[in-house]
Every structure is written in structure tokens, then in C-alpha cells.
Amino acid sequence: MKVAGSHGTATQCVDAAVERTKGCNGIMCAVRAKSFIRGCMRATKVDAAFCRRVPRESEIMSSVKWTMDTCSRRGADNEICPKVVRDVLKYCRG
């Protein structure tokens, strides 16, 4: 599966970025994961169906719940994953 570039989908970008956060325990790992998701999401077309499920950043409680649930559903229960996945909010509303 090619996730970076025009052959990937938003869901594939999120899946791959979350996978990168598993076992991540340092600032450099977090920076690499954030860099990956930003580049991957920029390279995909905005997916309206995907983004309908993503809250606005200004919806604080909803966006926190969404990021935590997104990580948890993918088996990444760590503090870095929500910070990485939060960039999806910008992708969908940016």
C-alpha cells in the first residue's frame, strides 16, 4: 500500500501515522510522525466523506474525543498519537 503521495487516502495516512506512534517514546519520534501525517495528508485529495466525521478544532471536547478514539480504535493508547492525529483536524478544515 502506498500511503504517501496521490495514491493514498486520508484513512491510509491516519492508519500509517498511528502505526508510527506505537512504541514511540520521544520527541524525535513524535516529530517524525507529525511530519509524516502532514506530508501524507497534503498529498491526498480532501475526502469529504472522511472529513464529515472529523470535528472542527474549535469544538474542543469533540475534537479531543475524536483524536483519542481514533488512536484507541487503532491500538495506539499513548500520549503521542492524539498530538499526531490532531493534524487531521487542520486537513479537513484548512
PDB file of N, CA and C in Angstrom:
ATOM      1  N   MET A   1       0.848  -1.182   0.000  1.00  0.00           N
ATOM      2  CA  MET A   1       0.000   0.000   0.000  1.00  0.00           C
ATOM      3  C   MET A   1       0.885   1.234   0.000  1.00  0.00           C
ATOM      4  N   LYS A   2       0.667   2.103  -0.924  1.00  0.00           N
ATOM      5  CA  LYS A   2       1.419   3.343  -0.979  1.00  0.00           C
ATOM      6  C   LYS A   2       0.578   4.416  -0.310  1.00  0.00           C
ATOM      7  N   VAL A   3       1.074   4.987   0.795  1.00  0.00           N
ATOM      8  CA  VAL A   3       0.277   5.965   1.509  1.00  0.00           C
ATOM      9  C   VAL A   3       0.729   7.395   1.292  1.00  0.00           C
ATOM     10  N   ALA A   4       1.987   7.606   0.983  1.00  0.00           N
ATOM     11  CA  ALA A   4       2.434   8.970   0.748  1.00  0.00           C
ATOM     12  C   ALA A   4       2.235   9.304  -0.726  1.00  0.00           C
ATOM     13  N   GLY A   5       1.701  10.453  -0.979  1.00  0.00           N
ATOM     14  CA  GLY A   5       1.502  10.857  -2.363  1.00  0.00           C
ATOM     15  C   GLY A   5       0.070  10.670  -2.802  1.00  0.00           C
ATOM     16  N   SER A   6      -0.153  10.863  -4.059  1.00  0.00           N
ATOM     17  CA  SER A   6      -1.513  10.886  -4.589  1.00  0.00           C
ATOM     18  C   SER A   6      -2.181   9.523  -4.620  1.00  0.00           C
ATOM     19  N   HIS A   7      -1.457   8.454  -4.306  1.00  0.00           N
ATOM     20  CA  HIS A   7      -2.066   7.131  -4.345  1.00  0.00           C
ATOM     21  C   HIS A   7      -2.647   6.705  -2.996  1.00  0.00           C
ATOM     22  N   GLY A   8      -2.497   7.538  -1.990  1.00  0.00           N
ATOM     23  CA  GLY A   8      -3.009   7.208  -0.668  1.00  0.00           C
ATOM     24  C   GLY A   8      -4.322   7.903  -0.396  1.00  0.00           C
ATOM     25  N   THR A   9      -5.014   7.423   0.623  1.00  0.00           N
ATOM     26  CA  THR A   9      -6.259   8.061   1.062  1.00  0.00           C
ATOM     27  C   THR A   9      -6.021   8.664   2.436  1.00  0.00           C
ATOM     28  N   ALA A  10      -6.938   9.514   2.859  1.00  0.00           N
ATOM     29  CA  ALA A  10      -6.841  10.113   4.186  1.00  0.00           C
ATOM     30  C   ALA A  10      -6.822   9.024   5.258  1.00  0.00           C
ATOM     31  N   THR A  11      -7.658   8.022   5.112  1.00  0.00           N
ATOM     32  CA  THR A  11      -7.697   6.924   6.085  1.00  0.00           C
ATOM     33  C   THR A  11      -6.371   6.179   6.126  1.00  0.00           C
ATOM     34  N   GLN A  12      -5.773   5.947   4.970  1.00  0.00           N
ATOM     35  CA  GLN A  12      -4.479   5.265   4.937  1.00  0.00           C
ATOM     36  C   GLN A  12      -3.394   6.119   5.598  1.00  0.00           C
ATOM     37  N   CYS A  13      -3.458   7.418   5.407  1.00  0.00           N
ATOM     38  CA  CYS A  13      -2.495   8.312   6.061  1.00  0.00           C
ATOM     39  C   CYS A  13      -2.625   8.230   7.575  1.00  0.00           C
ATOM     40  N   VAL A  14      -3.855   8.274   8.066  1.00  0.00           N
ATOM     41  CA  VAL A  14      -4.084   8.198   9.505  1.00  0.00           C
ATOM     42  C   VAL A  14      -3.613   6.849  10.037  1.00  0.00           C
ATOM     43  N   ASP A  15      -3.983   5.771   9.356  1.00  0.00           N
ATOM     44  CA  ASP A  15      -3.560   4.431   9.791  1.00  0.00           C
ATOM     45  C   ASP A  15      -2.035   4.340   9.890  1.00  0.00           C
ATOM     46  N   ALA A  16      -1.352   4.815   8.864  1.00  0.00           N
ATOM     47  CA  ALA A  16       0.115   4.727   8.835  1.00  0.00           C
ATOM     48  C   ALA A  16       0.747   5.620   9.897  1.00  0.00           C
ATOM     49  N   ALA A  17       0.190   6.799  10.106  1.00  0.00           N
ATOM     50  CA  ALA A  17       0.735   7.714  11.113  1.00  0.00           C
ATOM     51  C   ALA A  17       0.535   7.149  12.515  1.00  0.00           C
ATOM     52  N   VAL A  18      -0.638   6.592  12.771  1.00  0.00           N
ATOM     53  CA  VAL A  18      -0.907   5.989  14.081  1.00  0.00           C
ATOM     54  C   VAL A  18       0.042   4.826  14.317  1.00  0.00           C
ATOM     55  N   GLU A  19       0.259   4.035  13.302  1.00  0.00           N
ATOM     56  CA  GLU A  19       1.185   2.897  13.417  1.00  0.00           C
ATOM     57  C   GLU A  19       2.582   3.386  13.811  1.00  0.00           C
ATOM     58  N   ARG A  20       2.969   4.517  13.261  1.00  0.00           N
ATOM     59  CA  ARG A  20       4.290   5.078  13.575  1.00  0.00           C
ATOM     60  C   ARG A  20       4.388   5.541  15.025  1.00  0.00           C
ATOM     61  N   THR A  21       3.268   5.835  15.664  1.00  0.00           N
ATOM     62  CA  THR A  21       3.318   6.297  17.054  1.00  0.00           C
ATOM     63  C   THR A  21       3.401   5.141  18.056  1.00  0.00           C
ATOM     64  N   LYS A  22       3.100   3.956  17.605  1.00  0.00           N
ATOM     65  CA  LYS A  22       3.142   2.807  18.523  1.00  0.00           C
ATOM     66  C   LYS A  22       4.586   2.564  18.938  1.00  0.00           C
ATOM     67  N   GLY A  23       4.827   2.521  20.225  1.00  0.00           N
ATOM     68  CA  GLY A  23       6.179   2.340  20.728  1.00  0.00           C
ATOM     69  C   GLY A  23       6.993   3.624  20.689  1.00  0.00           C
ATOM     70  N   CYS A  24       6.371   4.696  20.314  1.00  0.00           N
ATOM     71  CA  CYS A  24       7.027   5.998  20.217  1.00  0.00           C
ATOM     72  C   CYS A  24       7.162   6.573  21.627  1.00  0.00           C
ATOM     73  N   ASN A  25       8.382   6.976  21.986  1.00  0.00           N
ATOM     74  CA  ASN A  25       8.535   7.499  23.339  1.00  0.00           C
ATOM     75  C   ASN A  25       9.516   8.657  23.418  1.00  0.00           C
ATOM     76  N   GLY A  26       9.559   9.445  22.428  1.00  0.00           N
ATOM     77  CA  GLY A  26      10.463  10.593  22.468  1.00  0.00           C
ATOM     78  C   GLY A  26      10.036  11.675  21.505  1.00  0.00           C
ATOM     79  N   ILE A  27      10.602  12.831  21.717  1.00  0.00           N
ATOM     80  CA  ILE A  27      10.241  13.982  20.905  1.00  0.00           C
ATOM     81  C   ILE A  27      10.577  13.778  19.434  1.00  0.00           C
ATOM     82  N   MET A  28      11.695  13.149  19.142  1.00  0.00           N
ATOM     83  CA  MET A  28      12.068  12.947  17.736  1.00  0.00           C
ATOM     84  C   MET A  28      11.108  11.991  17.037  1.00  0.00           C
ATOM     85  N   CYS A  29      10.658  10.993  17.730  1.00  0.00           N
ATOM     86  CA  CYS A  29       9.685  10.065  17.158  1.00  0.00           C
ATOM     87  C   CYS A  29       8.377  10.803  16.860  1.00  0.00           C
ATOM     88  N   ALA A  30       7.955  11.642  17.793  1.00  0.00           N
ATOM     89  CA  ALA A  30       6.728  12.419  17.600  1.00  0.00           C
ATOM     90  C   ALA A  30       6.868  13.376  16.421  1.00  0.00           C
ATOM     91  N   VAL A  31       8.022  14.017  16.308  1.00  0.00           N
ATOM     92  CA  VAL A  31       8.259  14.950  15.203  1.00  0.00           C
ATOM     93  C   VAL A  31       8.201  14.218  13.868  1.00  0.00           C
ATOM     94  N   ARG A  32       8.804  13.040  13.801  1.00  0.00           N
ATOM     95  CA  ARG A  32       8.780  12.266  12.549  1.00  0.00           C
ATOM     96  C   ARG A  32       7.348  11.850  12.190  1.00  0.00           C
ATOM     97  N   ALA A  33       6.572  11.423  13.188  1.00  0.00           N
ATOM     98  CA  ALA A  33       5.191  11.000  12.930  1.00  0.00           C
ATOM     99  C   ALA A  33       4.335  12.183  12.482  1.00  0.00           C
ATOM    100  N   LYS A  34       4.513  13.351  13.118  1.00  0.00           N
ATOM    101  CA  LYS A  34       3.762  14.538  12.713  1.00  0.00           C
ATOM    102  C   LYS A  34       4.161  14.976  11.303  1.00  0.00           C
ATOM    103  N   SER A  35       5.427  14.907  11.009  1.00  0.00           N
ATOM    104  CA  SER A  35       5.912  15.267   9.684  1.00  0.00           C
ATOM    105  C   SER A  35       5.322  14.328   8.628  1.00  0.00           C
ATOM    106  N   PHE A  36       5.267  13.052   8.966  1.00  0.00           N
ATOM    107  CA  PHE A  36       4.692  12.075   8.039  1.00  0.00           C
ATOM    108  C   PHE A  36       3.223  12.382   7.757  1.00  0.00           C
ATOM    109  N   ILE A  37       2.427  12.556   8.817  1.00  0.00           N
ATOM    110  CA  ILE A  37       0.981  12.739   8.595  1.00  0.00           C
ATOM    111  C   ILE A  37       0.710  14.038   7.844  1.00  0.00           C
ATOM    112  N   ARG A  38       1.463  15.075   8.133  1.00  0.00           N
ATOM    113  CA  ARG A  38       1.262  16.341   7.415  1.00  0.00           C
ATOM    114  C   ARG A  38       1.544  16.174   5.927  1.00  0.00           C
ATOM    115  N   GLY A  39       2.665  15.558   5.614  1.00  0.00           N
ATOM    116  CA  GLY A  39       3.020  15.353   4.209  1.00  0.00           C
ATOM    117  C   GLY A  39       2.055  14.435   3.502  1.00  0.00           C
ATOM    118  N   CYS A  40       1.665  13.381   4.177  1.00  0.00           N
ATOM    119  CA  CYS A  40       0.749  12.405   3.585  1.00  0.00           C
ATOM    120  C   CYS A  40      -0.619  13.045   3.319  1.00  0.00           C
ATOM    121  N   MET A  41      -1.139  13.763   4.312  1.00  0.00           N
ATOM    122  CA  MET A  41      -2.462  14.373   4.155  1.00  0.00           C
ATOM    123  C   MET A  41      -2.435  15.467   3.078  1.00  0.00           C
ATOM    124  N   ARG A  42      -1.344  16.217   3.009  1.00  0.00           N
ATOM    125  CA  ARG A  42      -1.217  17.260   1.967  1.00  0.00           C
ATOM    126  C   ARG A  42      -1.225  16.653   0.575  1.00  0.00           C
ATOM    127  N   ALA A  43      -0.717  15.437   0.466  1.00  0.00           N
ATOM    128  CA  ALA A  43      -0.594  14.795  -0.845  1.00  0.00           C
ATOM    129  C   ALA A  43      -1.873  14.091  -1.285  1.00  0.00           C
ATOM    130  N   THR A  44      -2.865  14.015  -0.419  1.00  0.00           N
ATOM    131  CA  THR A  44      -4.121  13.360  -0.779  1.00  0.00           C
ATOM    132  C   THR A  44      -5.170  14.417  -1.119  1.00  0.00           C
ATOM    133  N   LYS A  45      -6.152  14.009  -1.865  1.00  0.00           N
ATOM    134  CA  LYS A  45      -7.292  14.894  -2.117  1.00  0.00           C
ATOM    135  C   LYS A  45      -8.118  14.949  -0.839  1.00  0.00           C
ATOM    136  N   VAL A  46      -8.703  16.118  -0.563  1.00  0.00           N
ATOM    137  CA  VAL A  46      -9.569  16.233   0.606  1.00  0.00           C
ATOM    138  C   VAL A  46     -10.760  15.304   0.387  1.00  0.00           C
ATOM    139  N   ASP A  47     -10.975  14.435   1.342  1.00  0.00           N
ATOM    140  CA  ASP A  47     -12.024  13.421   1.267  1.00  0.00           C
ATOM    141  C   ASP A  47     -13.225  13.894   2.081  1.00  0.00           C
ATOM    142  N   ALA A  48     -14.247  14.386   1.399  1.00  0.00           N
ATOM    143  CA  ALA A  48     -15.422  14.954   2.074  1.00  0.00           C
ATOM    144  C   ALA A  48     -16.097  13.944   2.991  1.00  0.00           C
ATOM    145  N   ALA A  49     -16.223  12.704   2.572  1.00  0.00           N
ATOM    146  CA  ALA A  49     -16.868  11.678   3.407  1.00  0.00           C
ATOM    147  C   ALA A  49     -16.051  11.435   4.675  1.00  0.00           C
ATOM    148  N   PHE A  50     -14.742  11.372   4.544  1.00  0.00           N
ATOM    149  CA  PHE A  50     -13.864  11.191   5.697  1.00  0.00           C
ATOM    150  C   PHE A  50     -13.993  12.396   6.635  1.00  0.00           C
ATOM    151  N   CYS A  51     -13.947  13.583   6.082  1.00  0.00           N
ATOM    152  CA  CYS A  51     -13.945  14.800   6.888  1.00  0.00           C
ATOM    153  C   CYS A  51     -15.276  15.088   7.576  1.00  0.00           C
ATOM    154  N   ARG A  52     -16.358  14.561   7.060  1.00  0.00           N
ATOM    155  CA  ARG A  52     -17.653  14.759   7.730  1.00  0.00           C
ATOM    156  C   ARG A  52     -17.640  14.202   9.144  1.00  0.00           C
ATOM    157  N   ARG A  53     -16.802  13.201   9.392  1.00  0.00           N
ATOM    158  CA  ARG A  53     -16.731  12.573  10.716  1.00  0.00           C
ATOM    159  C   ARG A  53     -15.733  13.268  11.644  1.00  0.00           C
ATOM    160  N   VAL A  54     -15.022  14.254  11.126  1.00  0.00           N
ATOM    161  CA  VAL A  54     -13.973  14.932  11.891  1.00  0.00           C
ATOM    162  C   VAL A  54     -14.513  16.268  12.406  1.00  0.00           C
ATOM    163  N   PRO A  55     -14.447  16.494  13.723  1.00  0.00           N
ATOM    164  CA  PRO A  55     -14.955  17.765  14.263  1.00  0.00           C
ATOM    165  C   PRO A  55     -14.024  18.939  13.946  1.00  0.00           C
ATOM    166  N   ARG A  56     -14.531  20.121  14.129  1.00  0.00           N
ATOM    167  CA  ARG A  56     -13.718  21.323  13.970  1.00  0.00           C
ATOM    168  C   ARG A  56     -12.795  21.456  15.187  1.00  0.00           C
ATOM    169  N   GLU A  57     -11.633  22.081  14.972  1.00  0.00           N
ATOM    170  CA  GLU A  57     -10.699  22.313  16.084  1.00  0.00           C
ATOM    171  C   GLU A  57     -11.342  23.139  17.188  1.00  0.00           C
ATOM    172  N   SER A  58     -12.219  24.045  16.820  1.00  0.00           N
ATOM    173  CA  SER A  58     -12.868  24.904  17.810  1.00  0.00           C
ATOM    174  C   SER A  58     -13.843  24.135  18.706  1.00  0.00           C
ATOM    175  N   GLU A  59     -14.239  22.961  18.289  1.00  0.00           N
ATOM    176  CA  GLU A  59     -15.106  22.100  19.108  1.00  0.00           C
ATOM    177  C   GLU A  59     -14.201  21.276  20.016  1.00  0.00           C
ATOM    178  N   ILE A  60     -13.730  21.912  21.073  1.00  0.00           N
ATOM    179  CA  ILE A  60     -12.663  21.361  21.911  1.00  0.00           C
ATOM    180  C   ILE A  60     -12.969  19.949  22.400  1.00  0.00           C
ATOM    181  N   MET A  61     -14.071  19.764  23.069  1.00  0.00           N
ATOM    182  CA  MET A  61     -14.382  18.442  23.649  1.00  0.00           C
ATOM    183  C   MET A  61     -14.558  17.380  22.563  1.00  0.00           C
ATOM    184  N   SER A  62     -15.245  17.748  21.500  1.00  0.00           N
ATOM    185  CA  SER A  62     -15.451  16.795  20.396  1.00  0.00           C
ATOM    186  C   SER A  62     -14.139  16.439  19.711  1.00  0.00           C
ATOM    187  N   SER A  63     -13.272  17.433  19.520  1.00  0.00           N
ATOM    188  CA  SER A  63     -12.015  17.150  18.834  1.00  0.00           C
ATOM    189  C   SER A  63     -11.077  16.312  19.706  1.00  0.00           C
ATOM    190  N   VAL A  64     -11.066  16.562  21.014  1.00  0.00           N
ATOM    191  CA  VAL A  64     -10.255  15.740  21.922  1.00  0.00           C
ATOM    192  C   VAL A  64     -10.773  14.305  21.920  1.00  0.00           C
ATOM    193  N   LYS A  65     -12.087  14.143  22.013  1.00  0.00           N
ATOM    194  CA  LYS A  65     -12.671  12.797  21.997  1.00  0.00           C
ATOM    195  C   LYS A  65     -12.361  12.092  20.679  1.00  0.00           C
ATOM    196  N   TRP A  66     -12.480  12.814  19.568  1.00  0.00           N
ATOM    197  CA  TRP A  66     -12.228  12.216  18.258  1.00  0.00           C
ATOM    198  C   TRP A  66     -10.781  11.741  18.147  1.00  0.00           C
ATOM    199  N   THR A  67      -9.829  12.571  18.565  1.00  0.00           N
ATOM    200  CA  THR A  67      -8.427  12.162  18.457  1.00  0.00           C
ATOM    201  C   THR A  67      -8.129  10.967  19.351  1.00  0.00           C
ATOM    202  N   MET A  68      -8.663  10.980  20.566  1.00  0.00           N
ATOM    203  CA  MET A  68      -8.438   9.852  21.484  1.00  0.00           C
ATOM    204  C   MET A  68      -9.076   8.575  20.927  1.00  0.00           C
ATOM    205  N   ASP A  69     -10.298   8.672  20.424  1.00  0.00           N
ATOM    206  CA  ASP A  69     -10.986   7.498  19.867  1.00  0.00           C
ATOM    207  C   ASP A  69     -10.271   6.972  18.618  1.00  0.00           C
ATOM    208  N   THR A  70      -9.793   7.888  17.785  1.00  0.00           N
ATOM    209  CA  THR A  70      -9.087   7.489  16.562  1.00  0.00           C
ATOM    210  C   THR A  70      -7.847   6.666  16.912  1.00  0.00           C
ATOM    211  N   CYS A  71      -7.122   7.094  17.918  1.00  0.00           N
ATOM    212  CA  CYS A  71      -5.920   6.358  18.342  1.00  0.00           C
ATOM    213  C   CYS A  71      -6.293   5.037  19.010  1.00  0.00           C
ATOM    214  N   SER A  72      -7.256   5.090  19.884  1.00  0.00           N
ATOM    215  CA  SER A  72      -7.659   3.893  20.628  1.00  0.00           C
ATOM    216  C   SER A  72      -8.163   2.788  19.697  1.00  0.00           C
ATOM    217  N   ARG A  73      -8.993   3.161  18.719  1.00  0.00           N
ATOM    218  CA  ARG A  73      -9.520   2.166  17.769  1.00  0.00           C
ATOM    219  C   ARG A  73      -8.410   1.483  16.981  1.00  0.00           C
ATOM    220  N   ARG A  74      -7.289   2.161  16.844  1.00  0.00           N
ATOM    221  CA  ARG A  74      -6.166   1.613  16.083  1.00  0.00           C
ATOM    222  C   ARG A  74      -5.081   1.023  16.987  1.00  0.00           C
ATOM    223  N   GLY A  75      -5.407   0.920  18.293  1.00  0.00           N
ATOM    224  CA  GLY A  75      -4.495   0.265  19.234  1.00  0.00           C
ATOM    225  C   GLY A  75      -3.298   1.094  19.656  1.00  0.00           C
ATOM    226  N   ALA A  76      -3.410   2.402  19.581  1.00  0.00           N
ATOM    227  CA  ALA A  76      -2.301   3.273  19.992  1.00  0.00           C
ATOM    228  C   ALA A  76      -2.741   4.113  21.185  1.00  0.00           C
ATOM    229  N   ASP A  77      -2.676   3.528  22.343  1.00  0.00           N
ATOM    230  CA  ASP A  77      -3.065   4.240  23.562  1.00  0.00           C
ATOM    231  C   ASP A  77      -1.827   4.845  24.209  1.00  0.00           C
ATOM    232  N   ASN A  78      -1.326   5.900  23.594  1.00  0.00           N
ATOM    233  CA  ASN A  78      -0.167   6.599  24.131  1.00  0.00           C
ATOM    234  C   ASN A  78      -0.399   8.096  24.021  1.00  0.00           C
ATOM    235  N   GLU A  79       0.440   8.885  24.621  1.00  0.00           N
ATOM    236  CA  GLU A  79       0.221  10.335  24.625  1.00  0.00           C
ATOM    237  C   GLU A  79       0.628  11.018  23.325  1.00  0.00           C
ATOM    238  N   ILE A  80       1.425  10.362  22.522  1.00  0.00           N
ATOM    239  CA  ILE A  80       1.897  10.975  21.274  1.00  0.00           C
ATOM    240  C   ILE A  80       0.860  10.892  20.165  1.00  0.00           C
ATOM    241  N   CYS A  81       0.158   9.788  20.082  1.00  0.00           N
ATOM    242  CA  CYS A  81      -0.796   9.584  18.987  1.00  0.00           C
ATOM    243  C   CYS A  81      -1.820  10.718  18.839  1.00  0.00           C
ATOM    244  N   PRO A  82      -2.519  11.137  19.912  1.00  0.00           N
ATOM    245  CA  PRO A  82      -3.504  12.211  19.723  1.00  0.00           C
ATOM    246  C   PRO A  82      -2.884  13.507  19.199  1.00  0.00           C
ATOM    247  N   LYS A  83      -1.653  13.785  19.598  1.00  0.00           N
ATOM    248  CA  LYS A  83      -0.982  15.000  19.114  1.00  0.00           C
ATOM    249  C   LYS A  83      -0.702  14.908  17.618  1.00  0.00           C
ATOM    250  N   VAL A  84      -0.401  13.712  17.159  1.00  0.00           N
ATOM    251  CA  VAL A  84      -0.135  13.491  15.736  1.00  0.00           C
ATOM    252  C   VAL A  84      -1.444  13.533  14.945  1.00  0.00           C
ATOM    253  N   VAL A  85      -2.433  12.818  15.417  1.00  0.00           N
ATOM    254  CA  VAL A  85      -3.721  12.709  14.718  1.00  0.00           C
ATOM    255  C   VAL A  85      -4.451  14.055  14.687  1.00  0.00           C
ATOM    256  N   ARG A  86      -4.146  14.923  15.617  1.00  0.00           N
ATOM    257  CA  ARG A  86      -4.787  16.233  15.664  1.00  0.00           C
ATOM    258  C   ARG A  86      -4.576  17.018  14.355  1.00  0.00           C
ATOM    259  N   ASP A  87      -3.513  16.728  13.646  1.00  0.00           N
ATOM    260  CA  ASP A  87      -3.264  17.422  12.377  1.00  0.00           C
ATOM    261  C   ASP A  87      -4.353  17.127  11.333  1.00  0.00           C
ATOM    262  N   VAL A  88      -5.089  16.057  11.525  1.00  0.00           N
ATOM    263  CA  VAL A  88      -6.184  15.740  10.605  1.00  0.00           C
ATOM    264  C   VAL A  88      -7.272  16.805  10.688  1.00  0.00           C
ATOM    265  N   LEU A  89      -7.449  17.403  11.862  1.00  0.00           N
ATOM    266  CA  LEU A  89      -8.447  18.459  12.008  1.00  0.00           C
ATOM    267  C   LEU A  89      -8.130  19.622  11.069  1.00  0.00           C
ATOM    268  N   LYS A  90      -6.859  19.945  10.949  1.00  0.00           N
ATOM    269  CA  LYS A  90      -6.446  21.027  10.051  1.00  0.00           C
ATOM    270  C   LYS A  90      -6.649  20.634   8.581  1.00  0.00           C
ATOM    271  N   TYR A  91      -6.358  19.377   8.268  1.00  0.00           N
ATOM    272  CA  TYR A  91      -6.527  18.877   6.902  1.00  0.00           C
ATOM    273  C   TYR A  91      -7.978  19.003   6.461  1.00  0.00           C
ATOM    274  N   CYS A  92      -8.882  18.642   7.336  1.00  0.00           N
ATOM    275  CA  CYS A  92     -10.303  18.644   6.973  1.00  0.00           C
ATOM    276  C   CYS A  92     -10.918  20.037   6.965  1.00  0.00           C
ATOM    277  N   ARG A  93     -10.382  20.915   7.747  1.00  0.00           N
ATOM    278  CA  ARG A  93     -10.997  22.241   7.852  1.00  0.00           C
ATOM    279  C   ARG A  93     -10.112  23.367   7.328  1.00  0.00           C
ATOM    280  N   GLY A  94      -8.937  22.990   6.816  1.00  0.00           N
ATOM    281  CA  GLY A  94      -7.958  24.006   6.417  1.00  0.00           C
ATOM    282  C   GLY A  94      -8.125  24.518   5.079  1.00  0.00           C
TER     283      GLY A  94
END
